[in-house]
Amino acid sequence: MTLDELAVGKEAKIIAVGGEGQLRVRLLDMGLIPHTVVRVQKVAPMGDPIEIHLRGYELTIRKEDASRIEVENV
């Protein structure tokens, strides 16, 4: 499953971060690294962007970027 498929209020653990080049590096720099538990807080009315909670802070990312992050249910 990918992060963009996770329902609001559900938690999951990151198992892999996809993407290429700068995008992947940026995602990793923001704390989206394997074995991190994330929770979907909100989804915008049109479905993009997605607000997630991880490591004590909220992060908003585009749905397209979230689709590159593989997660598993906790």
PDB file of N, CA and C in Angstrom:
ATOM      1  N   MET A   1       0.856  -1.159   0.000  1.00  0.00           N
ATOM      2  CA  MET A   1       0.000   0.000   0.000  1.00  0.00           C
ATOM      3  C   MET A   1       0.913   1.236   0.000  1.00  0.00           C
ATOM      4  N   THR A   2       0.395   2.330  -0.563  1.00  0.00           N
ATOM      5  CA  THR A   2       1.158   3.572  -0.559  1.00  0.00           C
ATOM      6  C   THR A   2       0.499   4.583   0.366  1.00  0.00           C
ATOM      7  N   LEU A   3       1.246   5.605   0.739  1.00  0.00           N
ATOM      8  CA  LEU A   3       0.771   6.583   1.714  1.00  0.00           C
ATOM      9  C   LEU A   3      -0.486   7.309   1.251  1.00  0.00           C
ATOM     10  N   ASP A   4      -0.637   7.543  -0.032  1.00  0.00           N
ATOM     11  CA  ASP A   4      -1.834   8.242  -0.522  1.00  0.00           C
ATOM     12  C   ASP A   4      -3.097   7.390  -0.402  1.00  0.00           C
ATOM     13  N   GLU A   5      -2.961   6.080  -0.201  1.00  0.00           N
ATOM     14  CA  GLU A   5      -4.113   5.180  -0.051  1.00  0.00           C
ATOM     15  C   GLU A   5      -4.542   5.011   1.403  1.00  0.00           C
ATOM     16  N   LEU A   6      -3.754   5.525   2.346  1.00  0.00           N
ATOM     17  CA  LEU A   6      -4.046   5.381   3.770  1.00  0.00           C
ATOM     18  C   LEU A   6      -5.206   6.288   4.161  1.00  0.00           C
ATOM     19  N   ALA A   7      -6.154   5.748   4.917  1.00  0.00           N
ATOM     20  CA  ALA A   7      -7.345   6.504   5.333  1.00  0.00           C
ATOM     21  C   ALA A   7      -7.000   7.518   6.426  1.00  0.00           C
ATOM     22  N   VAL A   8      -7.796   8.566   6.505  1.00  0.00           N
ATOM     23  CA  VAL A   8      -7.610   9.603   7.521  1.00  0.00           C
ATOM     24  C   VAL A   8      -7.730   8.986   8.918  1.00  0.00           C
ATOM     25  N   GLY A   9      -6.780   9.315   9.794  1.00  0.00           N
ATOM     26  CA  GLY A   9      -6.776   8.806  11.158  1.00  0.00           C
ATOM     27  C   GLY A   9      -6.025   7.500  11.342  1.00  0.00           C
ATOM     28  N   LYS A  10      -5.641   6.848  10.268  1.00  0.00           N
ATOM     29  CA  LYS A  10      -4.935   5.565  10.352  1.00  0.00           C
ATOM     30  C   LYS A  10      -3.428   5.783  10.411  1.00  0.00           C
ATOM     31  N   GLU A  11      -2.739   4.855  11.079  1.00  0.00           N
ATOM     32  CA  GLU A  11      -1.288   4.893  11.184  1.00  0.00           C
ATOM     33  C   GLU A  11      -0.672   3.776  10.363  1.00  0.00           C
ATOM     34  N   ALA A  12       0.526   4.035   9.883  1.00  0.00           N
ATOM     35  CA  ALA A  12       1.263   3.035   9.122  1.00  0.00           C
ATOM     36  C   ALA A  12       2.751   3.292   9.295  1.00  0.00           C
ATOM     37  N   LYS A  13       3.541   2.262   8.997  1.00  0.00           N
ATOM     38  CA  LYS A  13       4.996   2.382   9.068  1.00  0.00           C
ATOM     39  C   LYS A  13       5.552   2.428   7.649  1.00  0.00           C
ATOM     40  N   ILE A  14       6.449   3.352   7.407  1.00  0.00           N
ATOM     41  CA  ILE A  14       7.077   3.477   6.094  1.00  0.00           C
ATOM     42  C   ILE A  14       8.013   2.292   5.886  1.00  0.00           C
ATOM     43  N   ILE A  15       7.885   1.650   4.724  1.00  0.00           N
ATOM     44  CA  ILE A  15       8.793   0.544   4.426  1.00  0.00           C
ATOM     45  C   ILE A  15       9.760   0.877   3.295  1.00  0.00           C
ATOM     46  N   ALA A  16       9.381   1.811   2.410  1.00  0.00           N
ATOM     47  CA  ALA A  16      10.274   2.212   1.316  1.00  0.00           C
ATOM     48  C   ALA A  16       9.873   3.582   0.795  1.00  0.00           C
ATOM     49  N   VAL A  17      10.882   4.341   0.378  1.00  0.00           N
ATOM     50  CA  VAL A  17      10.649   5.653  -0.218  1.00  0.00           C
ATOM     51  C   VAL A  17      11.150   5.605  -1.644  1.00  0.00           C
ATOM     52  N   GLY A  18      10.230   5.817  -2.582  1.00  0.00           N
ATOM     53  CA  GLY A  18      10.584   5.790  -3.993  1.00  0.00           C
ATOM     54  C   GLY A  18      10.935   7.176  -4.493  1.00  0.00           C
ATOM     55  N   GLY A  19      10.838   7.336  -5.790  1.00  0.00           N
ATOM     56  CA  GLY A  19      11.190   8.610  -6.397  1.00  0.00           C
ATOM     57  C   GLY A  19      12.623   8.575  -6.887  1.00  0.00           C
ATOM     58  N   GLU A  20      12.992   9.616  -7.600  1.00  0.00           N
ATOM     59  CA  GLU A  20      14.338   9.670  -8.154  1.00  0.00           C
ATOM     60  C   GLU A  20      14.999  10.995  -7.833  1.00  0.00           C
ATOM     61  N   GLY A  21      16.290  10.978  -7.687  1.00  0.00           N
ATOM     62  CA  GLY A  21      17.086  12.188  -7.530  1.00  0.00           C
ATOM     63  C   GLY A  21      16.669  13.075  -6.382  1.00  0.00           C
ATOM     64  N   GLN A  22      16.495  14.362  -6.693  1.00  0.00           N
ATOM     65  CA  GLN A  22      16.203  15.379  -5.687  1.00  0.00           C
ATOM     66  C   GLN A  22      14.906  15.114  -4.934  1.00  0.00           C
ATOM     67  N   LEU A  23      13.890  14.569  -5.606  1.00  0.00           N
ATOM     68  CA  LEU A  23      12.620  14.292  -4.942  1.00  0.00           C
ATOM     69  C   LEU A  23      12.822  13.300  -3.802  1.00  0.00           C
ATOM     70  N   ARG A  24      13.518  12.218  -4.055  1.00  0.00           N
ATOM     71  CA  ARG A  24      13.761  11.204  -3.025  1.00  0.00           C
ATOM     72  C   ARG A  24      14.577  11.783  -1.875  1.00  0.00           C
ATOM     73  N   VAL A  25      15.600  12.544  -2.192  1.00  0.00           N
ATOM     74  CA  VAL A  25      16.435  13.168  -1.168  1.00  0.00           C
ATOM     75  C   VAL A  25      15.596  14.122  -0.314  1.00  0.00           C
ATOM     76  N   ARG A  26      14.734  14.904  -0.955  1.00  0.00           N
ATOM     77  CA  ARG A  26      13.892  15.854  -0.215  1.00  0.00           C
ATOM     78  C   ARG A  26      12.943  15.127   0.728  1.00  0.00           C
ATOM     79  N   LEU A  27      12.328  14.034   0.256  1.00  0.00           N
ATOM     80  CA  LEU A  27      11.424  13.265   1.106  1.00  0.00           C
ATOM     81  C   LEU A  27      12.161  12.690   2.315  1.00  0.00           C
ATOM     82  N   LEU A  28      13.344  12.169   2.097  1.00  0.00           N
ATOM     83  CA  LEU A  28      14.139  11.616   3.194  1.00  0.00           C
ATOM     84  C   LEU A  28      14.555  12.720   4.172  1.00  0.00           C
ATOM     85  N   ASP A  29      14.924  13.888   3.650  1.00  0.00           N
ATOM     86  CA  ASP A  29      15.323  15.011   4.508  1.00  0.00           C
ATOM     87  C   ASP A  29      14.169  15.493   5.385  1.00  0.00           C
ATOM     88  N   MET A  30      12.927  15.341   4.922  1.00  0.00           N
ATOM     89  CA  MET A  30      11.767  15.771   5.695  1.00  0.00           C
ATOM     90  C   MET A  30      11.388  14.752   6.773  1.00  0.00           C
ATOM     91  N   GLY A  31      12.133  13.656   6.875  1.00  0.00           N
ATOM     92  CA  GLY A  31      11.880  12.676   7.918  1.00  0.00           C
ATOM     93  C   GLY A  31      11.091  11.464   7.463  1.00  0.00           C
ATOM     94  N   LEU A  32      10.800  11.377   6.197  1.00  0.00           N
ATOM     95  CA  LEU A  32      10.047  10.231   5.664  1.00  0.00           C
ATOM     96  C   LEU A  32      11.024   9.109   5.336  1.00  0.00           C
ATOM     97  N   ILE A  33      11.518   8.471   6.392  1.00  0.00           N
ATOM     98  CA  ILE A  33      12.494   7.402   6.220  1.00  0.00           C
ATOM     99  C   ILE A  33      11.884   6.071   6.666  1.00  0.00           C
ATOM    100  N   PRO A  34      12.393   4.955   6.155  1.00  0.00           N
ATOM    101  CA  PRO A  34      11.859   3.649   6.545  1.00  0.00           C
ATOM    102  C   PRO A  34      11.829   3.458   8.058  1.00  0.00           C
ATOM    103  N   HIS A  35      10.808   2.735   8.525  1.00  0.00           N
ATOM    104  CA  HIS A  35      10.544   2.397   9.927  1.00  0.00           C
ATOM    105  C   HIS A  35       9.953   3.556  10.729  1.00  0.00           C
ATOM    106  N   THR A  36       9.619   4.674  10.077  1.00  0.00           N
ATOM    107  CA  THR A  36       8.964   5.791  10.745  1.00  0.00           C
ATOM    108  C   THR A  36       7.457   5.585  10.691  1.00  0.00           C
ATOM    109  N   VAL A  37       6.781   5.793  11.827  1.00  0.00           N
ATOM    110  CA  VAL A  37       5.323   5.669  11.872  1.00  0.00           C
ATOM    111  C   VAL A  37       4.707   7.010  11.505  1.00  0.00           C
ATOM    112  N   VAL A  38       3.752   6.987  10.569  1.00  0.00           N
ATOM    113  CA  VAL A  38       3.067   8.195  10.122  1.00  0.00           C
ATOM    114  C   VAL A  38       1.561   8.015  10.290  1.00  0.00           C
ATOM    115  N   ARG A  39       0.847   9.139  10.464  1.00  0.00           N
ATOM    116  CA  ARG A  39      -0.612   9.111  10.567  1.00  0.00           C
ATOM    117  C   ARG A  39      -1.172  10.184   9.648  1.00  0.00           C
ATOM    118  N   VAL A  40      -2.172   9.831   8.859  1.00  0.00           N
ATOM    119  CA  VAL A  40      -2.824  10.807   7.993  1.00  0.00           C
ATOM    120  C   VAL A  40      -3.761  11.647   8.853  1.00  0.00           C
ATOM    121  N   GLN A  41      -3.529  12.951   8.901  1.00  0.00           N
ATOM    122  CA  GLN A  41      -4.330  13.869   9.699  1.00  0.00           C
ATOM    123  C   GLN A  41      -5.527  14.392   8.909  1.00  0.00           C
ATOM    124  N   LYS A  42      -5.264  14.908   7.706  1.00  0.00           N
ATOM    125  CA  LYS A  42      -6.308  15.525   6.887  1.00  0.00           C
ATOM    126  C   LYS A  42      -6.005  15.296   5.419  1.00  0.00           C
ATOM    127  N   VAL A  43      -7.072  15.356   4.632  1.00  0.00           N
ATOM    128  CA  VAL A  43      -6.941  15.342   3.179  1.00  0.00           C
ATOM    129  C   VAL A  43      -7.763  16.514   2.662  1.00  0.00           C
ATOM    130  N   ALA A  44      -7.193  17.300   1.771  1.00  0.00           N
ATOM    131  CA  ALA A  44      -7.898  18.453   1.223  1.00  0.00           C
ATOM    132  C   ALA A  44      -9.164  17.999   0.493  1.00  0.00           C
ATOM    133  N   PRO A  45     -10.151  18.879   0.358  1.00  0.00           N
ATOM    134  CA  PRO A  45     -11.426  18.506  -0.265  1.00  0.00           C
ATOM    135  C   PRO A  45     -11.293  17.861  -1.649  1.00  0.00           C
ATOM    136  N   MET A  46     -10.351  18.300  -2.435  1.00  0.00           N
ATOM    137  CA  MET A  46     -10.160  17.712  -3.768  1.00  0.00           C
ATOM    138  C   MET A  46      -9.182  16.536  -3.741  1.00  0.00           C
ATOM    139  N   GLY A  47      -8.720  16.165  -2.538  1.00  0.00           N
ATOM    140  CA  GLY A  47      -7.833  15.019  -2.393  1.00  0.00           C
ATOM    141  C   GLY A  47      -6.354  15.338  -2.437  1.00  0.00           C
ATOM    142  N   ASP A  48      -6.002  16.584  -2.659  1.00  0.00           N
ATOM    143  CA  ASP A  48      -4.598  16.961  -2.767  1.00  0.00           C
ATOM    144  C   ASP A  48      -4.417  18.348  -2.183  1.00  0.00           C
ATOM    145  N   PRO A  49      -3.553  18.597  -1.235  1.00  0.00           N
ATOM    146  CA  PRO A  49      -2.523  17.754  -0.627  1.00  0.00           C
ATOM    147  C   PRO A  49      -3.031  16.942   0.562  1.00  0.00           C
ATOM    148  N   ILE A  50      -2.105  16.201   1.155  1.00  0.00           N
ATOM    149  CA  ILE A  50      -2.384  15.346   2.304  1.00  0.00           C
ATOM    150  C   ILE A  50      -1.545  15.846   3.476  1.00  0.00           C
ATOM    151  N   GLU A  51      -2.163  15.993   4.651  1.00  0.00           N
ATOM    152  CA  GLU A  51      -1.422  16.379   5.849  1.00  0.00           C
ATOM    153  C   GLU A  51      -1.175  15.138   6.685  1.00  0.00           C
ATOM    154  N   ILE A  52       0.089  14.898   7.021  1.00  0.00           N
ATOM    155  CA  ILE A  52       0.452  13.736   7.820  1.00  0.00           C
ATOM    156  C   ILE A  52       1.176  14.180   9.088  1.00  0.00           C
ATOM    157  N   HIS A  53       1.131  13.329  10.103  1.00  0.00           N
ATOM    158  CA  HIS A  53       1.823  13.582  11.360  1.00  0.00           C
ATOM    159  C   HIS A  53       2.919  12.538  11.507  1.00  0.00           C
ATOM    160  N   LEU A  54       4.137  13.010  11.740  1.00  0.00           N
ATOM    161  CA  LEU A  54       5.256  12.108  11.964  1.00  0.00           C
ATOM    162  C   LEU A  54       6.294  12.800  12.817  1.00  0.00           C
ATOM    163  N   ARG A  55       6.961  12.036  13.653  1.00  0.00           N
ATOM    164  CA  ARG A  55       8.068  12.541  14.472  1.00  0.00           C
ATOM    165  C   ARG A  55       7.734  13.825  15.233  1.00  0.00           C
ATOM    166  N   GLY A  56       6.470  13.993  15.653  1.00  0.00           N
ATOM    167  CA  GLY A  56       6.091  15.133  16.459  1.00  0.00           C
ATOM    168  C   GLY A  56       5.723  16.400  15.704  1.00  0.00           C
ATOM    169  N   TYR A  57       5.608  16.328  14.381  1.00  0.00           N
ATOM    170  CA  TYR A  57       5.199  17.506  13.631  1.00  0.00           C
ATOM    171  C   TYR A  57       4.277  17.117  12.480  1.00  0.00           C
ATOM    172  N   GLU A  58       3.589  18.126  11.933  1.00  0.00           N
ATOM    173  CA  GLU A  58       2.710  17.903  10.803  1.00  0.00           C
ATOM    174  C   GLU A  58       3.439  18.297   9.517  1.00  0.00           C
ATOM    175  N   LEU A  59       3.202  17.531   8.477  1.00  0.00           N
ATOM    176  CA  LEU A  59       3.831  17.758   7.185  1.00  0.00           C
ATOM    177  C   LEU A  59       2.763  17.629   6.116  1.00  0.00           C
ATOM    178  N   THR A  60       2.744  18.548   5.189  1.00  0.00           N
ATOM    179  CA  THR A  60       1.794  18.497   4.084  1.00  0.00           C
ATOM    180  C   THR A  60       2.560  18.171   2.811  1.00  0.00           C
ATOM    181  N   ILE A  61       2.120  17.109   2.131  1.00  0.00           N
ATOM    182  CA  ILE A  61       2.776  16.723   0.881  1.00  0.00           C
ATOM    183  C   ILE A  61       1.733  16.495  -0.199  1.00  0.00           C
ATOM    184  N   ARG A  62       2.178  16.572  -1.431  1.00  0.00           N
ATOM    185  CA  ARG A  62       1.288  16.341  -2.565  1.00  0.00           C
ATOM    186  C   ARG A  62       0.934  14.860  -2.660  1.00  0.00           C
ATOM    187  N   LYS A  63      -0.238  14.589  -3.183  1.00  0.00           N
ATOM    188  CA  LYS A  63      -0.697  13.208  -3.332  1.00  0.00           C
ATOM    189  C   LYS A  63       0.257  12.423  -4.232  1.00  0.00           C
ATOM    190  N   GLU A  64       0.762  13.071  -5.258  1.00  0.00           N
ATOM    191  CA  GLU A  64       1.704  12.418  -6.176  1.00  0.00           C
ATOM    192  C   GLU A  64       2.969  11.964  -5.448  1.00  0.00           C
ATOM    193  N   ASP A  65       3.469  12.803  -4.542  1.00  0.00           N
ATOM    194  CA  ASP A  65       4.654  12.431  -3.762  1.00  0.00           C
ATOM    195  C   ASP A  65       4.324  11.321  -2.765  1.00  0.00           C
ATOM    196  N   ALA A  66       3.143  11.389  -2.160  1.00  0.00           N
ATOM    197  CA  ALA A  66       2.717  10.358  -1.208  1.00  0.00           C
ATOM    198  C   ALA A  66       2.583   8.993  -1.883  1.00  0.00           C
ATOM    199  N   SER A  67       2.276   8.991  -3.176  1.00  0.00           N
ATOM    200  CA  SER A  67       2.116   7.722  -3.893  1.00  0.00           C
ATOM    201  C   SER A  67       3.451   7.004  -4.087  1.00  0.00           C
ATOM    202  N   ARG A  68       4.552   7.676  -3.845  1.00  0.00           N
ATOM    203  CA  ARG A  68       5.875   7.075  -3.990  1.00  0.00           C
ATOM    204  C   ARG A  68       6.401   6.456  -2.687  1.00  0.00           C
ATOM    205  N   ILE A  69       5.614   6.590  -1.596  1.00  0.00           N
ATOM    206  CA  ILE A  69       6.023   6.097  -0.287  1.00  0.00           C
ATOM    207  C   ILE A  69       5.218   4.856   0.060  1.00  0.00           C
ATOM    208  N   GLU A  70       5.900   3.720   0.168  1.00  0.00           N
ATOM    209  CA  GLU A  70       5.241   2.467   0.505  1.00  0.00           C
ATOM    210  C   GLU A  70       5.138   2.339   2.024  1.00  0.00           C
ATOM    211  N   VAL A  71       3.956   1.938   2.493  1.00  0.00           N
ATOM    212  CA  VAL A  71       3.717   1.792   3.925  1.00  0.00           C
ATOM    213  C   VAL A  71       3.036   0.453   4.213  1.00  0.00           C
ATOM    214  N   GLU A  72       3.087   0.052   5.491  1.00  0.00           N
ATOM    215  CA  GLU A  72       2.357  -1.116   5.941  1.00  0.00           C
ATOM    216  C   GLU A  72       1.616  -0.740   7.218  1.00  0.00           C
ATOM    217  N   ASN A  73       0.462  -1.334   7.439  1.00  0.00           N
ATOM    218  CA  ASN A  73      -0.342  -1.024   8.625  1.00  0.00           C
ATOM    219  C   ASN A  73       0.419  -1.405   9.895  1.00  0.00           C
ATOM    220  N   VAL A  74       0.214  -0.594  10.931  1.00  0.00           N
ATOM    221  CA  VAL A  74       0.873  -0.844  12.215  1.00  0.00           C
ATOM    222  C   VAL A  74       0.029  -1.809  13.010  1.00  0.00           C
TER     223      VAL A  74
END
